[in-house]
Amino acid sequence: MTEQSTADLYGALTEPATLTIQRLLPGPIERVWAYLTESDLRRQWLAAGEMEMKLGAPFELVWRNDELTDPPGERPAGYSAEHRMQSRITELDPPRKLSFAWRGSGDVSFELMPKGGEVLLTVIHRRLPDRKMTLGVGSGWHAHLDLLAARMRGAAHEPFWDRLSRLRKEYEERLPA
């Protein structure tokens, strides 16, 4: 197994309103693709929601972060037990690229590249409207991708909400104002 350095795990602003974050995950690429596109697998690390694998197809993502780890940790103020978001597939090239529009918080692309027996997942979140959203998106993707890596490796993961709260503070220090 190849490890990423700690610095590489953090998202970075690659343009003023674009956050890019990567993870090296156990392959093969089809397995990682399944964790991105199949509701039963995606709900284990991000959000549930059936996706029709068709360009332009609408879908709904449903976050229930209290169910991601046991125990879930302490949910921060301002977060609800469930969050829903309407989305639409804007780019589709299985099993290498999936992009979709998120209402009110930009566009997200997942790009997969095989690296030996592993897969480099690059998440690019574009059109972030402000610093508050950028901090939330950065810490959120970081926490969710850490959980994805742990799930795919069969490893333990700390309580989701505790990890997210800690990462939010780290992103406040790391990302420029």
Protein backbone atom coordinates (compact mmCIF):
# COMPACT_ATOMS: atom_id res chain seq x y z
CA MET A 1 0.00 0.00 0.00
CA THR A 2 1.27 3.46 -0.88
CA GLU A 3 0.69 6.22 1.66
CA GLN A 4 0.07 9.86 0.81
CA SER A 5 1.92 12.41 2.90
CA THR A 6 -0.18 14.25 5.46
CA ALA A 7 0.22 17.52 3.54
CA ASP A 8 -1.16 15.87 0.38
CA LEU A 9 -4.39 14.92 2.16
CA TYR A 10 -5.54 18.54 2.44
CA GLY A 11 -7.54 20.25 -0.24
CA ALA A 12 -5.96 23.23 -1.96
CA LEU A 13 -7.35 26.22 -3.79
CA THR A 14 -6.20 25.64 -7.36
CA GLU A 15 -8.13 28.71 -8.55
CA PRO A 16 -9.81 31.40 -6.41
CA ALA A 17 -13.16 29.53 -6.26
CA THR A 18 -11.95 25.97 -6.92
CA LEU A 19 -10.89 23.41 -4.33
CA THR A 20 -8.97 20.30 -5.40
CA ILE A 21 -8.36 17.32 -3.11
CA GLN A 22 -6.94 13.87 -3.82
CA ARG A 23 -6.80 10.40 -2.29
CA LEU A 24 -4.89 7.30 -3.31
CA LEU A 25 -7.31 4.39 -2.90
CA PRO A 26 -7.06 0.63 -3.27
CA GLY A 27 -8.07 -0.48 -6.77
CA PRO A 28 -9.16 -1.61 -9.14
CA ILE A 29 -10.69 1.48 -10.78
CA GLU A 30 -14.07 -0.25 -11.14
CA ARG A 31 -14.26 -0.69 -7.36
CA VAL A 32 -13.61 3.01 -6.73
CA TRP A 33 -16.16 3.89 -9.44
CA ALA A 34 -18.75 1.76 -7.63
CA TYR A 35 -18.14 3.69 -4.38
CA LEU A 36 -18.85 6.91 -6.30
CA THR A 37 -21.91 5.81 -8.23
CA GLU A 38 -23.75 3.08 -6.28
CA SER A 39 -26.02 4.41 -3.55
CA ASP A 40 -25.42 1.52 -1.11
CA LEU A 41 -21.64 2.03 -1.25
CA ARG A 42 -21.69 5.85 -1.47
CA ARG A 43 -23.91 6.18 1.60
CA GLN A 44 -21.14 4.49 3.65
CA TRP A 45 -18.85 7.49 3.17
CA LEU A 46 -20.85 10.41 1.71
CA ALA A 47 -24.54 10.34 0.80
CA ALA A 48 -27.20 7.96 -0.49
CA GLY A 49 -29.13 8.48 -3.70
CA GLU A 50 -29.75 6.48 -6.84
CA MET A 51 -28.00 7.79 -9.96
CA GLU A 52 -29.05 6.99 -13.48
CA MET A 53 -25.76 6.76 -15.36
CA LYS A 54 -26.85 9.10 -18.12
CA LEU A 55 -25.64 12.57 -19.09
CA GLY A 56 -28.11 15.18 -17.84
CA ALA A 57 -29.85 12.78 -15.45
CA PRO A 58 -31.16 14.41 -12.27
CA PHE A 59 -30.65 12.75 -8.89
CA GLU A 60 -30.91 13.55 -5.21
CA LEU A 61 -28.17 13.04 -2.64
CA VAL A 62 -29.21 12.39 0.96
CA TRP A 63 -26.65 12.94 3.73
CA ARG A 64 -27.15 11.21 7.09
CA ASN A 65 -23.75 11.85 8.65
CA ASP A 66 -24.86 10.52 12.05
CA GLU A 67 -24.92 7.05 10.41
CA LEU A 68 -21.39 7.16 8.95
CA THR A 69 -19.51 6.04 12.08
CA ASP A 70 -20.41 4.41 15.38
CA PRO A 71 -20.28 6.46 17.47
CA PRO A 72 -20.96 9.47 15.22
CA GLY A 73 -19.31 12.02 17.51
CA GLU A 74 -20.82 15.36 18.44
CA ARG A 75 -22.73 17.00 15.59
CA PRO A 76 -21.69 20.68 15.31
CA ALA A 77 -24.28 23.43 15.70
CA GLY A 78 -25.99 24.28 12.44
CA TYR A 79 -25.89 20.76 11.00
CA SER A 80 -29.09 18.73 10.72
CA ALA A 81 -29.53 14.96 11.00
CA GLU A 82 -30.38 14.85 7.29
CA HIS A 83 -29.51 17.04 4.32
CA ARG A 84 -30.82 16.66 0.77
CA MET A 85 -29.49 18.17 -2.43
CA GLN A 86 -30.80 18.08 -5.96
CA SER A 87 -28.09 17.36 -8.51
CA ARG A 88 -27.64 16.68 -12.20
CA ILE A 89 -24.94 14.70 -14.05
CA THR A 90 -22.98 17.06 -16.29
CA GLU A 91 -20.14 14.80 -17.45
CA LEU A 92 -19.88 11.03 -17.58
CA ASP A 93 -17.00 8.85 -18.75
CA PRO A 94 -17.19 5.53 -16.83
CA PRO A 95 -15.06 4.54 -14.97
CA ARG A 96 -12.80 7.59 -15.28
CA LYS A 97 -14.85 10.74 -14.75
CA LEU A 98 -18.13 11.80 -13.17
CA SER A 99 -19.20 15.43 -12.82
CA PHE A 100 -22.38 16.93 -11.48
CA ALA A 101 -23.93 20.24 -10.58
CA TRP A 102 -24.85 20.89 -6.95
CA ARG A 103 -27.58 23.41 -6.46
CA GLY A 104 -26.18 26.48 -4.72
CA SER A 105 -22.67 25.18 -4.09
CA GLY A 106 -20.98 24.75 -7.45
CA ASP A 107 -19.95 21.81 -9.57
CA VAL A 108 -18.08 18.67 -8.52
CA SER A 109 -15.87 16.41 -10.66
CA PHE A 110 -14.45 13.04 -9.68
CA GLU A 111 -11.53 11.93 -11.82
CA LEU A 112 -10.00 8.44 -11.47
CA MET A 113 -6.54 7.42 -12.66
CA PRO A 114 -5.04 3.95 -12.11
CA LYS A 115 -1.65 3.98 -10.36
CA GLY A 116 -0.39 0.40 -10.25
CA GLY A 117 -2.79 -1.52 -7.99
CA GLU A 118 -4.23 1.73 -6.63
CA VAL A 119 -6.36 4.54 -8.00
CA LEU A 120 -5.78 8.27 -7.67
CA LEU A 121 -9.10 9.98 -7.00
CA THR A 122 -9.12 13.72 -7.70
CA VAL A 123 -12.13 15.72 -6.50
CA ILE A 124 -12.50 19.20 -7.97
CA HIS A 125 -15.20 21.42 -6.50
CA ARG A 126 -15.69 24.56 -8.66
CA ARG A 127 -17.62 27.81 -8.29
CA LEU A 128 -17.47 28.06 -4.50
CA PRO A 129 -19.33 31.29 -3.73
CA ASP A 130 -17.47 32.50 -0.61
CA ARG A 131 -14.92 31.68 2.11
CA LYS A 132 -17.49 30.15 4.47
CA MET A 133 -18.57 27.67 1.78
CA THR A 134 -14.94 26.99 0.82
CA LEU A 135 -14.05 26.12 4.43
CA GLY A 136 -17.09 23.88 4.76
CA VAL A 137 -16.44 22.16 1.43
CA GLY A 138 -12.72 21.71 2.14
CA SER A 139 -13.19 20.19 5.58
CA GLY A 140 -16.23 18.22 4.42
CA TRP A 141 -14.53 16.61 1.44
CA HIS A 142 -11.47 15.89 3.55
CA ALA A 143 -13.52 14.13 6.26
CA HIS A 144 -15.66 12.20 3.77
CA LEU A 145 -12.65 11.11 1.68
CA ASP A 146 -10.81 9.96 4.81
CA LEU A 147 -13.84 7.82 5.56
CA LEU A 148 -13.93 6.49 1.98
CA ALA A 149 -10.27 5.47 2.23
CA ALA A 150 -10.86 3.79 5.59
CA ARG A 151 -13.92 1.90 4.28
CA MET A 152 -12.09 0.72 1.17
CA ARG A 153 -9.11 -0.44 3.24
CA GLY A 154 -11.24 -2.07 5.97
CA ALA A 155 -9.67 0.27 8.54
CA ALA A 156 -11.17 1.93 11.61
CA HIS A 157 -12.20 5.59 11.46
CA GLU A 158 -12.68 8.10 14.23
CA PRO A 159 -16.17 9.54 14.87
CA PHE A 160 -17.16 11.48 11.76
CA TRP A 161 -18.40 14.68 13.42
CA ASP A 162 -15.33 14.96 15.67
CA ARG A 163 -13.06 14.64 12.64
CA LEU A 164 -15.06 17.22 10.68
CA SER A 165 -14.95 19.76 13.53
CA ARG A 166 -11.18 19.38 13.88
CA LEU A 167 -10.65 19.70 10.14
CA ARG A 168 -12.79 22.84 9.95
CA LYS A 169 -10.35 24.58 12.32
CA GLU A 170 -7.36 23.32 10.32
CA TYR A 171 -8.84 24.60 7.05
CA GLU A 172 -9.48 28.01 8.63
CA GLU A 173 -5.73 28.20 9.26
CA ARG A 174 -4.62 26.70 5.93
CA LEU A 175 -6.84 28.42 3.36
CA PRO A 176 -6.23 32.09 2.63
CA ALA A 177 -8.81 34.63 3.80
